[in-house]
Amino acid sequence: MDFNHQVFGEDKDIVEEQYPEDLPIALQDEVHIAGDKSSLAYRKGLAALHLGRSFTA
């Protein structure tokens, strides 16, 4: 648990400066690894809701 808190603490500032609408929704545009599972699920959810740059532009 301490390790997780350390990693999350290191990433906090970067993550809070990101905007979901800037994520590429077309998953084939990137190479993915097993560690990307939660990000992929999130972006698939955004796509299912028709959210993304076109939604906010």
N, C-alpha and C. Protein backbone atom coordinates (compact mmCIF):
# COMPACT_ATOMS: atom_id res chain seq x y z
N MET A 1 0.82 -1.18 0.00
CA MET A 1 0.00 0.00 0.00
C MET A 1 0.88 1.26 0.00
N ASP A 2 1.96 1.23 0.75
CA ASP A 2 2.86 2.37 0.77
C ASP A 2 3.42 2.66 -0.62
N PHE A 3 3.76 1.58 -1.34
CA PHE A 3 4.29 1.74 -2.70
C PHE A 3 3.25 2.41 -3.60
N ASN A 4 2.00 1.96 -3.52
CA ASN A 4 0.93 2.55 -4.33
C ASN A 4 0.78 4.03 -4.02
N HIS A 5 0.78 4.38 -2.73
CA HIS A 5 0.66 5.80 -2.36
C HIS A 5 1.83 6.61 -2.90
N GLN A 6 3.01 6.03 -2.89
CA GLN A 6 4.18 6.73 -3.42
C GLN A 6 4.02 6.98 -4.91
N VAL A 7 3.65 5.95 -5.65
CA VAL A 7 3.48 6.09 -7.11
C VAL A 7 2.37 7.08 -7.42
N PHE A 8 1.23 6.96 -6.76
CA PHE A 8 0.12 7.88 -7.02
C PHE A 8 0.51 9.30 -6.67
N GLY A 9 1.26 9.48 -5.59
CA GLY A 9 1.73 10.81 -5.21
C GLY A 9 2.64 11.43 -6.25
N GLU A 10 3.50 10.60 -6.85
CA GLU A 10 4.41 11.07 -7.89
C GLU A 10 3.65 11.48 -9.15
N ASP A 11 2.56 10.82 -9.43
CA ASP A 11 1.79 11.08 -10.66
C ASP A 11 0.72 12.15 -10.49
N LYS A 12 0.38 12.51 -9.27
CA LYS A 12 -0.77 13.36 -8.98
C LYS A 12 -0.75 14.67 -9.77
N ASP A 13 0.34 15.41 -9.72
CA ASP A 13 0.39 16.71 -10.41
C ASP A 13 0.20 16.57 -11.91
N ILE A 14 0.80 15.54 -12.49
CA ILE A 14 0.68 15.33 -13.94
C ILE A 14 -0.75 14.95 -14.31
N VAL A 15 -1.33 14.04 -13.56
CA VAL A 15 -2.68 13.55 -13.86
C VAL A 15 -3.70 14.68 -13.72
N GLU A 16 -3.54 15.52 -12.72
CA GLU A 16 -4.50 16.59 -12.51
C GLU A 16 -4.44 17.68 -13.58
N GLU A 17 -3.38 17.70 -14.37
CA GLU A 17 -3.26 18.68 -15.45
C GLU A 17 -3.76 18.14 -16.79
N GLN A 18 -4.25 16.92 -16.81
CA GLN A 18 -4.72 16.32 -18.05
C GLN A 18 -6.22 16.53 -18.20
N TYR A 19 -6.66 16.51 -19.43
CA TYR A 19 -8.07 16.65 -19.73
C TYR A 19 -8.52 15.43 -20.53
N PRO A 20 -9.58 14.75 -20.08
CA PRO A 20 -10.02 13.53 -20.77
C PRO A 20 -10.31 13.76 -22.25
N GLU A 21 -10.80 14.93 -22.59
CA GLU A 21 -11.14 15.18 -24.00
C GLU A 21 -9.91 15.23 -24.90
N ASP A 22 -8.72 15.33 -24.31
CA ASP A 22 -7.49 15.32 -25.10
C ASP A 22 -6.95 13.92 -25.36
N LEU A 23 -7.54 12.92 -24.72
CA LEU A 23 -7.07 11.55 -24.94
C LEU A 23 -7.45 11.09 -26.33
N PRO A 24 -6.55 10.38 -27.02
CA PRO A 24 -6.94 9.83 -28.32
C PRO A 24 -7.98 8.73 -28.11
N ILE A 25 -9.10 8.86 -28.74
CA ILE A 25 -10.18 7.88 -28.59
C ILE A 25 -9.94 6.68 -29.51
N ALA A 26 -9.32 6.91 -30.66
CA ALA A 26 -9.03 5.82 -31.60
C ALA A 26 -7.88 4.98 -31.03
N LEU A 27 -8.21 3.88 -30.39
CA LEU A 27 -7.22 3.08 -29.67
C LEU A 27 -6.16 2.48 -30.60
N GLN A 28 -6.47 2.31 -31.87
CA GLN A 28 -5.50 1.74 -32.80
C GLN A 28 -4.38 2.72 -33.12
N ASP A 29 -4.50 3.97 -32.67
CA ASP A 29 -3.47 4.97 -32.93
C ASP A 29 -2.27 4.81 -32.00
N GLU A 30 -2.36 3.92 -31.03
CA GLU A 30 -1.29 3.75 -30.04
C GLU A 30 -0.98 2.27 -29.84
N VAL A 31 0.17 2.02 -29.25
CA VAL A 31 0.55 0.67 -28.84
C VAL A 31 0.22 0.54 -27.36
N HIS A 32 -0.39 -0.57 -26.98
CA HIS A 32 -0.82 -0.73 -25.59
C HIS A 32 -0.13 -1.93 -24.94
N ILE A 33 0.03 -1.83 -23.62
CA ILE A 33 0.58 -2.93 -22.83
C ILE A 33 -0.46 -3.33 -21.79
N ALA A 34 -0.20 -4.43 -21.10
CA ALA A 34 -1.16 -4.93 -20.11
C ALA A 34 -1.50 -3.88 -19.05
N GLY A 35 -0.54 -3.04 -18.70
CA GLY A 35 -0.77 -2.02 -17.69
C GLY A 35 -1.73 -0.92 -18.11
N ASP A 36 -2.12 -0.91 -19.38
CA ASP A 36 -3.03 0.11 -19.90
C ASP A 36 -4.50 -0.27 -19.77
N LYS A 37 -4.80 -1.39 -19.13
CA LYS A 37 -6.19 -1.88 -19.11
C LYS A 37 -7.18 -0.85 -18.60
N SER A 38 -6.88 -0.20 -17.50
CA SER A 38 -7.85 0.76 -16.95
C SER A 38 -8.00 1.97 -17.86
N SER A 39 -6.90 2.43 -18.45
CA SER A 39 -6.97 3.55 -19.38
C SER A 39 -7.80 3.18 -20.61
N LEU A 40 -7.60 1.98 -21.11
CA LEU A 40 -8.36 1.54 -22.28
C LEU A 40 -9.85 1.47 -21.96
N ALA A 41 -10.19 0.93 -20.80
CA ALA A 41 -11.60 0.84 -20.41
C ALA A 41 -12.21 2.23 -20.29
N TYR A 42 -11.46 3.16 -19.72
CA TYR A 42 -11.94 4.54 -19.56
C TYR A 42 -12.18 5.18 -20.92
N ARG A 43 -11.23 5.02 -21.83
CA ARG A 43 -11.37 5.63 -23.14
C ARG A 43 -12.45 4.96 -23.97
N LYS A 44 -12.65 3.67 -23.80
CA LYS A 44 -13.77 3.02 -24.48
C LYS A 44 -15.09 3.59 -23.96
N GLY A 45 -15.14 3.85 -22.65
CA GLY A 45 -16.34 4.46 -22.07
C GLY A 45 -16.59 5.85 -22.62
N LEU A 46 -15.52 6.65 -22.75
CA LEU A 46 -15.66 7.98 -23.35
C LEU A 46 -16.19 7.87 -24.78
N ALA A 47 -15.64 6.93 -25.53
CA ALA A 47 -16.07 6.75 -26.92
C ALA A 47 -17.54 6.32 -26.98
N ALA A 48 -17.94 5.44 -26.06
CA ALA A 48 -19.33 4.98 -26.04
C ALA A 48 -20.29 6.13 -25.75
N LEU A 49 -19.82 7.11 -24.99
CA LEU A 49 -20.64 8.28 -24.68
C LEU A 49 -20.48 9.38 -25.73
N HIS A 50 -19.67 9.09 -26.76
CA HIS A 50 -19.40 10.04 -27.84
C HIS A 50 -18.72 11.30 -27.30
N LEU A 51 -17.83 11.10 -26.31
CA LEU A 51 -17.06 12.21 -25.76
C LEU A 51 -15.64 12.16 -26.31
N GLY A 52 -15.01 13.28 -26.36
CA GLY A 52 -13.67 13.39 -26.90
C GLY A 52 -13.48 14.80 -27.42
N ARG A 53 -12.43 15.02 -28.15
CA ARG A 53 -12.14 16.38 -28.64
C ARG A 53 -13.30 16.95 -29.45
N SER A 54 -13.95 16.13 -30.25
CA SER A 54 -15.07 16.65 -31.06
C SER A 54 -16.23 17.12 -30.19
N PHE A 55 -16.34 16.55 -28.99
CA PHE A 55 -17.41 16.94 -28.07
C PHE A 55 -17.15 18.32 -27.47
N THR A 56 -15.88 18.62 -27.20
CA THR A 56 -15.55 19.87 -26.51
C THR A 56 -15.09 20.97 -27.45
N ALA A 57 -14.84 20.63 -28.73
CA ALA A 57 -14.33 21.64 -29.68
C ALA A 57 -15.44 22.55 -30.15
